[in-house]
Protein backbone atom coordinates (compact mmCIF):
# COMPACT_ATOMS: atom_id res chain seq x y z
CA MET A 1 0.00 0.00 0.00
CA PRO A 2 1.44 3.45 -0.90
CA THR A 3 2.44 5.86 1.83
CA ILE A 4 0.74 9.27 1.81
CA ILE A 5 3.06 12.23 2.23
CA ASN A 6 1.43 15.56 2.88
CA THR A 7 3.81 18.25 1.67
CA ASN A 8 1.72 21.12 3.01
CA THR A 9 1.02 20.18 6.61
CA ASN A 10 1.32 17.48 9.24
CA MET A 11 -2.22 16.29 8.55
CA ASP A 12 -3.13 12.68 8.14
CA PRO A 13 -5.41 12.47 5.07
CA ILE A 14 -7.55 9.89 6.87
CA ILE A 15 -9.22 12.70 8.87
CA PHE A 16 -11.04 14.01 5.79
CA LYS A 17 -14.35 12.16 5.73
CA ALA A 18 -17.28 12.36 3.32
CA TYR A 19 -19.25 14.81 5.47
CA ASP A 20 -16.76 16.32 7.91
CA ILE A 21 -13.26 16.16 9.36
CA ARG A 22 -12.60 13.93 12.35
CA GLY A 23 -9.98 11.77 13.95
CA ARG A 24 -8.48 10.60 17.22
CA TYR A 25 -7.36 13.44 19.48
CA PRO A 26 -4.49 14.36 19.67
CA LYS A 27 -2.85 11.83 17.30
CA GLU A 28 -4.83 12.59 14.13
CA ILE A 29 -6.55 15.86 14.95
CA ASN A 30 -5.07 18.46 17.28
CA GLU A 31 -4.61 22.21 17.77
CA GLU A 32 -2.09 22.54 14.92
CA VAL A 33 -4.27 20.65 12.44
CA VAL A 34 -7.47 22.58 13.19
CA ALA A 35 -5.58 25.89 13.04
CA LYS A 36 -4.33 25.11 9.53
CA ILE A 37 -7.77 24.04 8.38
CA ALA A 38 -9.43 27.13 9.92
CA ARG A 39 -6.99 29.49 8.18
CA GLU A 40 -7.72 27.83 4.85
CA VAL A 41 -11.49 27.97 5.46
CA ARG A 42 -11.19 31.67 6.30
CA GLY A 43 -9.44 32.32 3.00
CA ARG A 44 -11.98 30.31 1.02
CA LEU A 45 -15.04 32.00 2.53
CA GLY A 46 -13.99 35.38 1.12
CA GLY A 47 -14.84 37.64 4.06
CA GLY A 48 -17.79 38.36 6.33
CA LYS A 49 -18.79 36.67 9.57
CA ILE A 50 -17.63 33.25 10.68
CA VAL A 51 -19.58 31.56 13.47
CA VAL A 52 -17.49 29.22 15.65
CA GLY A 53 -18.78 26.85 18.32
CA HIS A 54 -17.80 23.67 20.14
CA ASP A 55 -19.40 20.68 21.80
CA ALA A 56 -18.87 19.35 25.33
CA ARG A 57 -16.01 16.95 24.62
CA LEU A 58 -13.02 17.41 26.92
CA SER A 59 -10.72 18.25 23.98
CA SER A 60 -13.12 20.74 22.37
CA PRO A 61 -12.18 23.90 24.33
CA ALA A 62 -8.50 23.59 23.34
CA LEU A 63 -9.39 23.03 19.67
CA TYR A 64 -11.90 25.91 19.83
CA LYS A 65 -9.24 28.26 21.19
CA SER A 66 -6.85 27.21 18.43
CA VAL A 67 -9.46 27.82 15.72
CA LEU A 68 -10.30 31.26 17.12
CA GLN A 69 -6.64 32.27 17.35
CA SER A 70 -5.89 31.09 13.81
CA LEU A 71 -8.87 32.99 12.39
CA LYS A 72 -7.46 36.21 13.87
CA ILE A 73 -3.98 35.87 12.31
CA LYS A 74 -4.03 38.01 9.17
CA LYS A 75 -0.54 37.26 7.87
CA PHE A 76 -1.35 33.58 7.34
CA LEU A 77 -4.22 34.06 4.90
CA PRO A 78 -3.71 32.00 1.76
CA ALA A 79 -2.59 33.93 -1.33
CA HIS A 80 -5.80 33.11 -3.22
CA ALA A 81 -7.80 34.93 -0.52
CA TYR A 82 -6.00 38.17 -1.36
CA ARG A 83 -6.53 37.60 -5.08
CA GLN A 84 -10.24 36.91 -4.56
CA ALA A 85 -10.50 40.21 -2.68
CA GLY A 86 -8.76 42.13 -5.48
CA GLY A 87 -5.59 42.52 -3.39
CA ARG A 88 -7.49 44.14 -0.50
CA GLN A 89 -7.33 42.91 3.07
CA VAL A 90 -10.15 40.43 3.65
CA LYS A 91 -12.36 41.57 6.55
CA PHE A 92 -13.79 39.05 8.98
CA LYS A 93 -15.88 39.19 12.07
CA ILE A 94 -15.64 36.16 14.29
CA GLU A 95 -18.80 35.20 16.16
CA ALA A 96 -17.45 33.00 18.96
CA VAL A 97 -20.51 31.31 20.42
CA GLY A 98 -18.76 28.83 22.72
CA LEU A 99 -20.57 25.69 23.84
CA ALA A 100 -23.34 24.90 21.35
CA THR A 101 -24.99 22.12 19.41
CA THR A 102 -24.38 21.69 15.71
CA PRO A 103 -27.99 22.66 14.82
CA MET A 104 -27.57 25.83 16.92
CA LEU A 105 -24.45 26.76 14.93
CA TYR A 106 -26.28 26.15 11.64
CA PHE A 107 -29.16 28.33 12.85
CA LEU A 108 -26.76 31.14 13.79
CA VAL A 109 -24.98 31.02 10.43
CA ASN A 110 -28.36 31.71 8.81
CA LYS A 111 -29.69 34.17 11.40
CA LEU A 112 -26.48 36.26 11.32
CA LYS A 113 -26.15 35.95 7.52
CA ALA A 114 -22.63 34.67 8.08
CA ALA A 115 -20.20 33.62 5.36
CA GLY A 116 -19.88 30.30 7.16
CA GLY A 117 -19.25 28.43 10.36
CA ILE A 118 -16.93 25.99 12.06
CA MET A 119 -18.23 23.57 14.68
CA ILE A 120 -15.74 21.62 16.77
CA THR A 121 -17.40 18.22 17.27
CA ALA A 122 -17.02 14.57 16.42
CA SER A 123 -20.77 14.06 16.54
CA HIS A 124 -21.69 10.53 17.61
CA ASN A 125 -18.11 9.19 17.66
CA PRO A 126 -16.42 7.92 20.85
CA LYS A 127 -14.88 10.39 23.30
CA GLU A 128 -11.31 9.97 22.04
CA PHE A 129 -12.36 11.51 18.71
CA ASN A 130 -12.92 15.13 17.75
CA GLY A 131 -13.33 17.03 14.53
CA LEU A 132 -14.80 19.88 12.53
CA LYS A 133 -18.06 20.40 10.72
CA ILE A 134 -17.67 23.30 8.30
CA VAL A 135 -20.42 25.17 6.50
CA GLY A 136 -20.59 28.02 4.03
CA LYS A 137 -23.35 30.57 3.44
CA LYS A 138 -26.84 29.44 4.40
CA ALA A 139 -25.17 26.69 6.48
CA ILE A 140 -24.49 24.61 3.39
CA PRO A 141 -22.01 21.90 4.43
CA ILE A 142 -18.51 21.81 2.98
CA SER A 143 -17.44 18.17 3.00
CA GLY A 144 -14.21 16.88 4.39
CA ALA A 145 -13.57 15.42 0.93
CA GLU A 146 -13.83 18.91 -0.58
CA ILE A 147 -11.58 20.45 2.09
CA LYS A 148 -9.02 17.69 1.50
CA LYS A 149 -8.60 19.04 -2.05
CA TRP A 150 -7.39 22.35 -0.57
CA PHE A 151 -4.28 20.65 0.83
CA PRO A 152 -1.85 19.13 -1.69
CA LEU A 153 -1.05 15.49 -1.01
CA GLU A 154 1.50 13.24 -2.70
CA VAL A 155 1.50 9.48 -2.82
CA ALA A 156 4.97 8.02 -2.21
CA PRO A 157 6.03 4.51 -3.21
CA SER A 158 5.26 1.90 -0.61
CA GLN A 159 7.94 1.08 1.94
CA ASN A 160 6.46 -2.39 2.41
CA HIS A 161 8.35 -5.25 0.76
CA PHE A 162 6.08 -8.28 1.06
């Protein structure tokens, strides 16, 4: 089986699922990983409000803090975000809602007419998991499979010699 090498980040491609992003905390998903994803989401949304919430998992507050901090760092916006804005600084307002359910976050994205939202949750998965549900305008989900395309991955030859 080929080995996946991610040249852009330290992300394991296995975390990108059909409907969301999730993995074992902190091995597969951690503060560094969610920060990189949040910065990329910020650049892709093109400005406006971003609603951010988290569930009650023990690892969620740390991931939430990392997402909020990364959304505030202007110098790390992807280059395409500046091009999309015609070279102007992209303006964002972060709506940090704290502890919430996923349906509450979706409601707030619509109510506040936000550009999108990030929910830190692993839904129904066991407690050692955590993840992100990401939505765009009108709370339309952005799949983990789509987000995976935003991060270049290479497939290296297998190291296994069976």
